[in-house]
Amino acid sequence: MSKSIVVGSTLAVLGLGGLAFGAWQVQQEEAGPQYAEIVDIQALTRTVETPREVCEDVVVSQAAPSRDPNRIVGTAAGALVGGLLGNQIGGGSGKKLATVVGALGGGLAGREVQGRVEANQRVQTTQRQCQTVMDSHQETQGYEVSWRHGEAVQTSRLDSAPQGNRVLLEDGQPRWEAVSSSEG
């Protein structure tokens, strides 16, 4: 084979190879960077409950303490009045019997009246009443981000929500630090 054919063939192969490589580079440059569309962002939350004590002053009405728990004053006053009334009835030994019966009946009645009067006597005091209530709030744990490239929709979990509607892809994986809004 002649030297010129070998040189010509070599140059032709190198030229075609260079041309093919150049075309491939132009195609890659025209394709540019690849982006995925962010289609959904869901906050992942949990409920946190915190107890706290709530106190308030409440006016409470209760029975007044008795100064005479055995109702001696009412019994004595009733017996005195009953005895005086019984003494007005009859004469002789009947008068004595009426006085004794009047004193007994009056004593029982006086005791009952004193009990009813004391039961209706109330004292109001202020008491501090406390109870534990639960405050609850939602705490964000992260974000579930769905993104689409071509027909495939995938989901990633992130600590913070992306600010934009597309993400740069590098080797088919999103670079979350490179999120942007689409132009036009």
N, C-alpha and C. Protein backbone atom coordinates (compact mmCIF):
# COMPACT_ATOMS: atom_id res chain seq x y z
N MET A 1 0.82 -1.15 0.00
CA MET A 1 0.00 0.00 0.00
C MET A 1 0.87 1.23 0.00
N SER A 2 0.33 2.19 -0.66
CA SER A 2 1.18 3.38 -0.76
C SER A 2 1.03 4.21 0.50
N LYS A 3 2.07 4.92 0.72
CA LYS A 3 2.16 5.75 1.91
C LYS A 3 1.09 6.83 1.87
N SER A 4 0.77 7.37 0.74
CA SER A 4 -0.22 8.43 0.65
C SER A 4 -1.62 7.91 0.93
N ILE A 5 -1.90 6.65 0.59
CA ILE A 5 -3.23 6.10 0.88
C ILE A 5 -3.37 5.88 2.38
N VAL A 6 -2.31 5.41 3.02
CA VAL A 6 -2.34 5.18 4.47
C VAL A 6 -2.53 6.52 5.18
N VAL A 7 -1.78 7.52 4.78
CA VAL A 7 -1.88 8.84 5.42
C VAL A 7 -3.26 9.42 5.16
N GLY A 8 -3.76 9.30 3.94
CA GLY A 8 -5.07 9.84 3.60
C GLY A 8 -6.17 9.15 4.37
N SER A 9 -6.06 7.81 4.46
CA SER A 9 -7.08 7.05 5.19
C SER A 9 -7.06 7.40 6.67
N THR A 10 -5.87 7.55 7.22
CA THR A 10 -5.73 7.90 8.64
C THR A 10 -6.32 9.28 8.90
N LEU A 11 -6.01 10.22 8.03
CA LEU A 11 -6.56 11.57 8.20
C LEU A 11 -8.07 11.55 8.06
N ALA A 12 -8.60 10.74 7.15
CA ALA A 12 -10.05 10.66 6.96
C ALA A 12 -10.72 10.10 8.21
N VAL A 13 -10.15 9.02 8.78
CA VAL A 13 -10.71 8.41 9.99
C VAL A 13 -10.66 9.40 11.14
N LEU A 14 -9.50 10.06 11.31
CA LEU A 14 -9.37 11.04 12.38
C LEU A 14 -10.33 12.20 12.18
N GLY A 15 -10.48 12.62 10.97
CA GLY A 15 -11.39 13.72 10.66
C GLY A 15 -12.82 13.35 10.96
N LEU A 16 -13.24 12.16 10.56
CA LEU A 16 -14.61 11.72 10.83
C LEU A 16 -14.83 11.52 12.33
N GLY A 17 -13.82 10.99 12.99
CA GLY A 17 -13.93 10.82 14.45
C GLY A 17 -14.04 12.15 15.15
N GLY A 18 -13.25 13.12 14.73
CA GLY A 18 -13.31 14.46 15.32
C GLY A 18 -14.64 15.12 15.05
N LEU A 19 -15.15 14.92 13.84
CA LEU A 19 -16.44 15.48 13.47
C LEU A 19 -17.54 14.87 14.33
N ALA A 20 -17.50 13.57 14.53
CA ALA A 20 -18.50 12.89 15.36
C ALA A 20 -18.40 13.38 16.81
N PHE A 21 -17.20 13.50 17.32
CA PHE A 21 -17.02 13.99 18.70
C PHE A 21 -17.55 15.41 18.84
N GLY A 22 -17.26 16.25 17.87
CA GLY A 22 -17.75 17.63 17.90
C GLY A 22 -19.26 17.68 17.88
N ALA A 23 -19.88 16.83 17.04
CA ALA A 23 -21.34 16.80 16.98
C ALA A 23 -21.92 16.36 18.32
N TRP A 24 -21.28 15.38 18.94
CA TRP A 24 -21.75 14.90 20.24
C TRP A 24 -21.67 16.02 21.29
N GLN A 25 -20.54 16.78 21.28
CA GLN A 25 -20.38 17.88 22.23
C GLN A 25 -21.45 18.95 22.01
N VAL A 26 -21.73 19.27 20.75
CA VAL A 26 -22.75 20.27 20.46
C VAL A 26 -24.10 19.79 20.96
N GLN A 27 -24.37 18.52 20.76
CA GLN A 27 -25.64 17.96 21.23
C GLN A 27 -25.73 18.04 22.75
N GLN A 28 -24.65 17.76 23.43
CA GLN A 28 -24.64 17.82 24.89
C GLN A 28 -24.83 19.25 25.37
N GLU A 29 -24.22 20.21 24.70
CA GLU A 29 -24.36 21.62 25.08
C GLU A 29 -25.77 22.09 24.84
N GLU A 30 -26.39 21.65 23.74
CA GLU A 30 -27.76 22.05 23.46
C GLU A 30 -28.71 21.46 24.49
N ALA A 31 -28.46 20.24 24.96
CA ALA A 31 -29.31 19.63 25.96
C ALA A 31 -29.23 20.42 27.26
N GLY A 32 -28.11 20.95 27.62
CA GLY A 32 -27.93 21.76 28.82
C GLY A 32 -28.18 20.95 30.08
N PRO A 33 -28.28 21.66 31.20
CA PRO A 33 -28.50 20.95 32.46
C PRO A 33 -29.92 20.37 32.49
N GLN A 34 -30.07 19.27 33.22
CA GLN A 34 -31.37 18.60 33.35
C GLN A 34 -32.02 19.03 34.66
N TYR A 35 -33.33 19.28 34.62
CA TYR A 35 -34.09 19.67 35.80
C TYR A 35 -35.26 18.73 35.99
N ALA A 36 -35.66 18.56 37.24
CA ALA A 36 -36.88 17.82 37.57
C ALA A 36 -37.88 18.82 38.12
N GLU A 37 -39.15 18.59 37.83
CA GLU A 37 -40.22 19.47 38.31
C GLU A 37 -40.65 19.01 39.70
N ILE A 38 -40.75 19.94 40.63
CA ILE A 38 -41.26 19.63 41.97
C ILE A 38 -42.78 19.67 41.88
N VAL A 39 -43.43 18.54 42.14
CA VAL A 39 -44.88 18.46 41.96
C VAL A 39 -45.67 18.51 43.27
N ASP A 40 -45.04 18.23 44.41
CA ASP A 40 -45.78 18.26 45.67
C ASP A 40 -44.80 18.36 46.84
N ILE A 41 -45.21 19.13 47.84
CA ILE A 41 -44.43 19.26 49.08
C ILE A 41 -45.41 19.07 50.24
N GLN A 42 -45.14 18.06 51.06
CA GLN A 42 -45.99 17.78 52.22
C GLN A 42 -45.14 17.92 53.49
N ALA A 43 -45.63 18.76 54.43
CA ALA A 43 -44.94 18.88 55.72
C ALA A 43 -45.21 17.62 56.54
N LEU A 44 -44.19 17.05 57.13
CA LEU A 44 -44.33 15.90 58.02
C LEU A 44 -44.31 16.44 59.44
N THR A 45 -45.45 16.33 60.15
CA THR A 45 -45.58 16.93 61.48
C THR A 45 -45.92 15.87 62.51
N ARG A 46 -45.76 16.26 63.75
CA ARG A 46 -46.21 15.44 64.87
C ARG A 46 -46.81 16.39 65.90
N THR A 47 -47.73 15.87 66.68
CA THR A 47 -48.39 16.67 67.71
C THR A 47 -47.58 16.57 69.00
N VAL A 48 -47.27 17.73 69.56
CA VAL A 48 -46.52 17.79 70.82
C VAL A 48 -47.46 18.35 71.88
N GLU A 49 -47.62 17.63 72.98
CA GLU A 49 -48.46 18.08 74.08
C GLU A 49 -47.60 18.46 75.26
N THR A 50 -47.91 19.62 75.83
CA THR A 50 -47.16 20.14 76.96
C THR A 50 -48.13 20.44 78.10
N PRO A 51 -47.92 19.83 79.28
CA PRO A 51 -48.83 20.12 80.40
C PRO A 51 -48.50 21.47 81.03
N ARG A 52 -49.55 22.13 81.51
CA ARG A 52 -49.35 23.34 82.30
C ARG A 52 -50.46 23.41 83.34
N GLU A 53 -50.16 24.06 84.45
CA GLU A 53 -51.12 24.17 85.53
C GLU A 53 -51.87 25.49 85.43
N VAL A 54 -53.20 25.42 85.54
CA VAL A 54 -54.04 26.60 85.50
C VAL A 54 -54.73 26.70 86.85
N CYS A 55 -54.57 27.85 87.50
CA CYS A 55 -55.17 28.05 88.82
C CYS A 55 -56.12 29.24 88.77
N GLU A 56 -57.18 29.15 89.59
CA GLU A 56 -58.10 30.27 89.69
C GLU A 56 -58.66 30.30 91.11
N ASP A 57 -59.03 31.50 91.54
CA ASP A 57 -59.65 31.67 92.85
C ASP A 57 -61.16 31.53 92.66
N VAL A 58 -61.77 30.62 93.44
CA VAL A 58 -63.19 30.33 93.32
C VAL A 58 -63.85 30.60 94.66
N VAL A 59 -65.01 31.31 94.62
CA VAL A 59 -65.77 31.57 95.83
C VAL A 59 -66.62 30.34 96.10
N VAL A 60 -66.45 29.78 97.31
CA VAL A 60 -67.15 28.55 97.70
C VAL A 60 -68.04 28.87 98.89
N SER A 61 -69.30 28.43 98.79
CA SER A 61 -70.24 28.63 99.89
C SER A 61 -70.37 27.32 100.64
N GLN A 62 -70.26 27.39 101.96
CA GLN A 62 -70.36 26.19 102.77
C GLN A 62 -71.10 26.52 104.06
N ALA A 63 -71.58 25.49 104.75
CA ALA A 63 -72.31 25.69 105.99
C ALA A 63 -71.40 26.34 107.03
N ALA A 64 -71.97 27.33 107.72
CA ALA A 64 -71.19 28.02 108.76
C ALA A 64 -70.96 27.05 109.91
N PRO A 65 -69.79 27.11 110.52
CA PRO A 65 -69.54 26.23 111.66
C PRO A 65 -70.46 26.61 112.83
N SER A 66 -70.99 25.61 113.49
CA SER A 66 -71.93 25.85 114.58
C SER A 66 -71.16 26.22 115.85
N ARG A 67 -71.68 27.24 116.54
CA ARG A 67 -71.07 27.61 117.81
C ARG A 67 -71.69 26.80 118.95
N ASP A 68 -72.82 26.13 118.62
CA ASP A 68 -73.53 25.32 119.61
C ASP A 68 -73.93 24.00 118.94
N PRO A 69 -72.96 23.08 118.72
CA PRO A 69 -73.28 21.85 117.98
C PRO A 69 -74.33 20.97 118.67
N ASN A 70 -74.50 21.06 119.99
CA ASN A 70 -75.49 20.25 120.71
C ASN A 70 -76.84 20.95 120.83
N ARG A 71 -76.95 22.14 120.29
CA ARG A 71 -78.17 22.95 120.25
C ARG A 71 -78.77 23.18 121.64
N ILE A 72 -77.92 23.49 122.58
CA ILE A 72 -78.35 23.72 123.96
C ILE A 72 -79.17 25.00 124.07
N VAL A 73 -78.78 26.06 123.38
CA VAL A 73 -79.49 27.34 123.46
C VAL A 73 -80.91 27.18 122.94
N GLY A 74 -81.07 26.54 121.77
CA GLY A 74 -82.41 26.34 121.21
C GLY A 74 -83.27 25.47 122.09
N THR A 75 -82.68 24.40 122.66
CA THR A 75 -83.42 23.50 123.54
C THR A 75 -83.86 24.24 124.80
N ALA A 76 -82.95 25.02 125.39
CA ALA A 76 -83.28 25.75 126.63
C ALA A 76 -84.33 26.82 126.37
N ALA A 77 -84.19 27.57 125.28
CA ALA A 77 -85.16 28.62 124.99
C ALA A 77 -86.53 28.00 124.70
N GLY A 78 -86.56 26.90 123.95
CA GLY A 78 -87.83 26.23 123.66
C GLY A 78 -88.47 25.68 124.91
N ALA A 79 -87.68 25.08 125.80
CA ALA A 79 -88.21 24.55 127.05
C ALA A 79 -88.79 25.66 127.92
N LEU A 80 -88.13 26.80 127.96
CA LEU A 80 -88.60 27.94 128.76
C LEU A 80 -89.95 28.44 128.23
N VAL A 81 -90.02 28.65 126.92
CA VAL A 81 -91.27 29.14 126.33
C VAL A 81 -92.36 28.09 126.48
N GLY A 82 -92.05 26.82 126.21
CA GLY A 82 -93.05 25.74 126.35
C GLY A 82 -93.53 25.61 127.79
N GLY A 83 -92.61 25.72 128.72
CA GLY A 83 -92.98 25.64 130.14
C GLY A 83 -93.88 26.80 130.54
N LEU A 84 -93.59 27.99 130.07
CA LEU A 84 -94.43 29.15 130.38
C LEU A 84 -95.83 28.99 129.79
N LEU A 85 -95.90 28.50 128.56
CA LEU A 85 -97.21 28.28 127.93
C LEU A 85 -97.98 27.17 128.65
N GLY A 86 -97.28 26.09 129.01
CA GLY A 86 -97.92 24.97 129.72
C GLY A 86 -98.41 25.40 131.10
N ASN A 87 -97.72 26.29 131.73
CA ASN A 87 -98.08 26.80 133.04
C ASN A 87 -99.38 27.61 132.97
N GLN A 88 -99.76 28.11 131.84
CA GLN A 88 -100.96 28.89 131.68
C GLN A 88 -102.20 28.02 131.59
N ILE A 89 -101.99 26.69 131.41
CA ILE A 89 -103.10 25.78 131.20
C ILE A 89 -103.41 25.06 132.51
N GLY A 90 -104.66 24.92 132.80
CA GLY A 90 -105.11 24.13 133.91
C GLY A 90 -104.82 24.73 135.27
N GLY A 91 -105.03 23.91 136.29
CA GLY A 91 -104.80 24.34 137.65
C GLY A 91 -104.39 23.16 138.50
N GLY A 92 -103.75 23.36 139.60
CA GLY A 92 -103.32 22.33 140.53
C GLY A 92 -102.25 21.44 139.93
N SER A 93 -102.46 20.09 140.12
CA SER A 93 -101.46 19.15 139.61
C SER A 93 -101.49 19.10 138.08
N GLY A 94 -102.62 19.43 137.44
CA GLY A 94 -102.70 19.49 135.98
C GLY A 94 -101.83 20.60 135.44
N LYS A 95 -101.72 21.64 136.23
CA LYS A 95 -100.88 22.77 135.82
C LYS A 95 -99.42 22.36 135.81
N LYS A 96 -99.02 21.56 136.81
CA LYS A 96 -97.63 21.10 136.86
C LYS A 96 -97.35 20.17 135.68
N LEU A 97 -98.29 19.27 135.42
CA LEU A 97 -98.12 18.34 134.30
C LEU A 97 -98.07 19.10 132.97
N ALA A 98 -98.92 20.09 132.80
CA ALA A 98 -98.93 20.89 131.56
C ALA A 98 -97.62 21.67 131.44
N THR A 99 -97.08 22.14 132.54
CA THR A 99 -95.83 22.87 132.51
C THR A 99 -94.70 21.94 132.08
N VAL A 100 -94.65 20.71 132.62
CA VAL A 100 -93.60 19.75 132.27
C VAL A 100 -93.73 19.32 130.81
N VAL A 101 -94.95 19.01 130.38
CA VAL A 101 -95.16 18.62 128.98
C VAL A 101 -94.81 19.78 128.05
N GLY A 102 -95.22 21.00 128.42
CA GLY A 102 -94.90 22.18 127.61
C GLY A 102 -93.40 22.41 127.52
N ALA A 103 -92.69 22.20 128.63
CA ALA A 103 -91.24 22.38 128.64
C ALA A 103 -90.57 21.33 127.76
N LEU A 104 -91.02 20.06 127.83
CA LEU A 104 -90.44 19.01 126.98
C LEU A 104 -90.72 19.28 125.50
N GLY A 105 -91.97 19.58 125.18
CA GLY A 105 -92.32 19.85 123.77
C GLY A 105 -91.61 21.09 123.25
N GLY A 106 -91.54 22.12 124.07
CA GLY A 106 -90.86 23.35 123.67
C GLY A 106 -89.37 23.13 123.49
N GLY A 107 -88.76 22.28 124.35
CA GLY A 107 -87.34 21.97 124.21
C GLY A 107 -87.05 21.27 122.90
N LEU A 108 -87.89 20.27 122.55
CA LEU A 108 -87.71 19.58 121.27
C LEU A 108 -87.90 20.53 120.09
N ALA A 109 -88.94 21.34 120.17
CA ALA A 109 -89.20 22.30 119.08
C ALA A 109 -88.07 23.32 118.98
N GLY A 110 -87.57 23.82 120.08
CA GLY A 110 -86.47 24.79 120.06
C GLY A 110 -85.19 24.20 119.48
N ARG A 111 -84.94 22.95 119.83
CA ARG A 111 -83.77 22.26 119.28
C ARG A 111 -83.89 22.14 117.76
N GLU A 112 -85.08 21.77 117.26
CA GLU A 112 -85.30 21.63 115.81
C GLU A 112 -85.19 22.98 115.10
N VAL A 113 -85.75 24.02 115.69
CA VAL A 113 -85.69 25.36 115.07
C VAL A 113 -84.23 25.82 114.99
N GLN A 114 -83.47 25.64 116.05
CA GLN A 114 -82.06 26.04 116.02
C GLN A 114 -81.30 25.27 114.93
N GLY A 115 -81.57 23.97 114.75
CA GLY A 115 -80.92 23.17 113.71
C GLY A 115 -81.22 23.70 112.32
N ARG A 116 -82.47 24.07 112.06
CA ARG A 116 -82.85 24.59 110.74
C ARG A 116 -82.24 25.97 110.48
N VAL A 117 -82.20 26.80 111.49
CA VAL A 117 -81.61 28.14 111.33
C VAL A 117 -80.12 28.01 111.04
N GLU A 118 -79.43 27.16 111.77
CA GLU A 118 -77.99 26.99 111.55
C GLU A 118 -77.69 26.34 110.20
N ALA A 119 -78.57 25.45 109.72
CA ALA A 119 -78.35 24.80 108.42
C ALA A 119 -78.42 25.81 107.28
N ASN A 120 -79.20 26.87 107.45
CA ASN A 120 -79.33 27.89 106.41
C ASN A 120 -78.25 28.97 106.50
N GLN A 121 -77.45 28.94 107.55
CA GLN A 121 -76.39 29.93 107.67
C GLN A 121 -75.18 29.44 106.87
N ARG A 122 -74.74 30.26 105.89
CA ARG A 122 -73.65 29.90 105.00
C ARG A 122 -72.51 30.89 105.18
N VAL A 123 -71.32 30.40 104.92
CA VAL A 123 -70.11 31.22 104.94
C VAL A 123 -69.46 31.07 103.57
N GLN A 124 -69.05 32.18 102.99
CA GLN A 124 -68.36 32.12 101.69
C GLN A 124 -66.87 32.33 101.91
N THR A 125 -66.10 31.45 101.28
CA THR A 125 -64.65 31.56 101.35
C THR A 125 -64.10 31.49 99.93
N THR A 126 -62.91 31.98 99.77
CA THR A 126 -62.24 31.92 98.47
C THR A 126 -61.20 30.83 98.54
N GLN A 127 -61.29 29.89 97.60
CA GLN A 127 -60.33 28.78 97.55
C GLN A 127 -59.60 28.83 96.22
N ARG A 128 -58.33 28.49 96.25
CA ARG A 128 -57.54 28.41 95.03
C ARG A 128 -57.64 26.98 94.50
N GLN A 129 -58.18 26.85 93.28
CA GLN A 129 -58.33 25.54 92.67
C GLN A 129 -57.45 25.48 91.43
N CYS A 130 -56.67 24.42 91.34
CA CYS A 130 -55.73 24.25 90.22
C CYS A 130 -56.03 22.95 89.48
N GLN A 131 -55.76 22.96 88.19
CA GLN A 131 -55.89 21.76 87.37
C GLN A 131 -54.83 21.79 86.28
N THR A 132 -54.48 20.62 85.81
CA THR A 132 -53.48 20.51 84.74
C THR A 132 -54.21 20.41 83.42
N VAL A 133 -53.82 21.28 82.47
CA VAL A 133 -54.37 21.23 81.12
C VAL A 133 -53.23 20.95 80.15
N MET A 134 -53.57 20.37 79.02
CA MET A 134 -52.57 20.04 78.01
C MET A 134 -52.67 21.02 76.84
N ASP A 135 -51.57 21.70 76.56
CA ASP A 135 -51.47 22.53 75.36
C ASP A 135 -50.86 21.66 74.27
N SER A 136 -51.39 21.76 73.06
CA SER A 136 -50.80 20.97 71.98
C SER A 136 -50.52 21.86 70.78
N HIS A 137 -49.47 21.52 70.07
CA HIS A 137 -49.11 22.23 68.85
C HIS A 137 -48.44 21.25 67.89
N GLN A 138 -48.42 21.63 66.63
CA GLN A 138 -47.82 20.79 65.60
C GLN A 138 -46.35 21.18 65.44
N GLU A 139 -45.49 20.20 65.37
CA GLU A 139 -44.06 20.43 65.18
C GLU A 139 -43.65 19.75 63.88
N THR A 140 -42.99 20.51 62.99
CA THR A 140 -42.58 19.98 61.69
C THR A 140 -41.32 19.14 61.86
N GLN A 141 -41.39 17.90 61.34
CA GLN A 141 -40.27 16.97 61.41
C GLN A 141 -39.44 16.99 60.14
N GLY A 142 -40.01 17.45 59.05
CA GLY A 142 -39.33 17.45 57.76
C GLY A 142 -40.37 17.61 56.66
N TYR A 143 -39.94 17.35 55.43
CA TYR A 143 -40.82 17.53 54.28
C TYR A 143 -40.66 16.35 53.33
N GLU A 144 -41.77 15.91 52.78
CA GLU A 144 -41.78 14.87 51.76
C GLU A 144 -42.01 15.59 50.43
N VAL A 145 -41.01 15.54 49.56
CA VAL A 145 -41.05 16.28 48.31
C VAL A 145 -41.14 15.29 47.15
N SER A 146 -42.19 15.45 46.33
CA SER A 146 -42.35 14.61 45.13
C SER A 146 -41.86 15.41 43.94
N TRP A 147 -41.07 14.75 43.07
CA TRP A 147 -40.51 15.42 41.90
C TRP A 147 -40.62 14.49 40.69
N ARG A 148 -40.77 15.12 39.51
CA ARG A 148 -40.97 14.35 38.28
C ARG A 148 -39.88 14.69 37.29
N HIS A 149 -39.33 13.63 36.72
CA HIS A 149 -38.38 13.77 35.60
C HIS A 149 -38.86 12.80 34.54
N GLY A 150 -39.29 13.35 33.42
CA GLY A 150 -39.89 12.52 32.39
C GLY A 150 -41.24 12.03 32.88
N GLU A 151 -41.46 10.75 32.84
CA GLU A 151 -42.72 10.17 33.30
C GLU A 151 -42.64 9.69 34.74
N ALA A 152 -41.43 9.57 35.28
CA ALA A 152 -41.24 9.00 36.61
C ALA A 152 -41.43 10.07 37.69
N VAL A 153 -42.21 9.74 38.73
CA VAL A 153 -42.38 10.60 39.90
C VAL A 153 -41.71 9.89 41.07
N GLN A 154 -40.83 10.61 41.75
CA GLN A 154 -40.12 10.04 42.88
C GLN A 154 -40.31 10.95 44.09
N THR A 155 -39.99 10.45 45.26
CA THR A 155 -40.18 11.20 46.49
C THR A 155 -38.88 11.20 47.29
N SER A 156 -38.57 12.37 47.85
CA SER A 156 -37.40 12.51 48.73
C SER A 156 -37.87 13.14 50.03
N ARG A 157 -37.18 12.81 51.12
CA ARG A 157 -37.47 13.43 52.41
C ARG A 157 -36.37 14.44 52.70
N LEU A 158 -36.80 15.68 53.03
CA LEU A 158 -35.84 16.77 53.27
C LEU A 158 -36.11 17.39 54.64
N ASP A 159 -35.08 18.03 55.17
CA ASP A 159 -35.22 18.72 56.45
C ASP A 159 -35.94 20.05 56.29
N SER A 160 -35.77 20.71 55.15
CA SER A 160 -36.44 21.99 54.91
C SER A 160 -37.13 21.95 53.55
N ALA A 161 -38.18 22.75 53.41
CA ALA A 161 -38.95 22.77 52.17
C ALA A 161 -38.16 23.50 51.08
N PRO A 162 -38.11 22.95 49.87
CA PRO A 162 -37.42 23.63 48.78
C PRO A 162 -38.18 24.90 48.38
N GLN A 163 -37.45 25.93 48.03
CA GLN A 163 -38.04 27.21 47.62
C GLN A 163 -37.96 27.35 46.11
N GLY A 164 -38.89 26.82 45.42
CA GLY A 164 -38.91 26.87 43.96
C GLY A 164 -39.73 25.72 43.43
N ASN A 165 -39.76 25.59 42.08
CA ASN A 165 -40.58 24.53 41.52
C ASN A 165 -39.81 23.57 40.62
N ARG A 166 -38.49 23.67 40.63
CA ARG A 166 -37.67 22.71 39.89
C ARG A 166 -36.33 22.55 40.60
N VAL A 167 -35.70 21.38 40.35
CA VAL A 167 -34.43 21.07 41.00
C VAL A 167 -33.47 20.54 39.93
N LEU A 168 -32.23 20.96 40.04
CA LEU A 168 -31.18 20.52 39.13
C LEU A 168 -30.89 19.04 39.37
N LEU A 169 -30.78 18.27 38.29
CA LEU A 169 -30.42 16.86 38.38
C LEU A 169 -28.96 16.69 38.02
N GLU A 170 -28.28 15.87 38.78
CA GLU A 170 -26.90 15.52 38.48
C GLU A 170 -26.83 14.00 38.56
N ASP A 171 -26.52 13.39 37.46
CA ASP A 171 -26.49 11.93 37.35
C ASP A 171 -27.84 11.34 37.75
N GLY A 172 -28.93 12.02 37.38
CA GLY A 172 -30.28 11.52 37.63
C GLY A 172 -30.79 11.75 39.04
N GLN A 173 -29.96 12.36 39.92
CA GLN A 173 -30.37 12.60 41.30
C GLN A 173 -30.50 14.11 41.55
N PRO A 174 -31.50 14.52 42.33
CA PRO A 174 -31.69 15.95 42.58
C PRO A 174 -30.59 16.52 43.47
N ARG A 175 -30.18 17.72 43.13
CA ARG A 175 -29.26 18.49 44.00
C ARG A 175 -30.13 19.53 44.68
N TRP A 176 -30.56 19.23 45.90
CA TRP A 176 -31.57 20.05 46.59
C TRP A 176 -31.05 21.44 46.92
N GLU A 177 -29.75 21.62 46.96
CA GLU A 177 -29.22 22.97 47.19
C GLU A 177 -29.34 23.82 45.94
N ALA A 178 -29.74 23.21 44.81
CA ALA A 178 -29.85 23.93 43.54
C ALA A 178 -31.31 23.94 43.07
N VAL A 179 -32.21 24.39 43.92
CA VAL A 179 -33.62 24.50 43.57
C VAL A 179 -33.86 25.88 43.01
N SER A 180 -34.67 25.97 41.97
CA SER A 180 -34.94 27.28 41.36
C SER A 180 -36.36 27.31 40.85
N SER A 181 -36.76 28.49 40.45
CA SER A 181 -38.06 28.65 39.80
C SER A 181 -37.84 28.60 38.30
N SER A 182 -38.78 27.98 37.57
CA SER A 182 -38.61 27.89 36.12
C SER A 182 -38.82 29.25 35.49
N GLU A 183 -38.14 29.48 34.40
CA GLU A 183 -38.23 30.77 33.72
C GLU A 183 -39.24 30.65 32.59
N GLY A 184 -40.09 31.68 32.48
CA GLY A 184 -41.03 31.79 31.38
C GLY A 184 -42.06 30.80 31.51
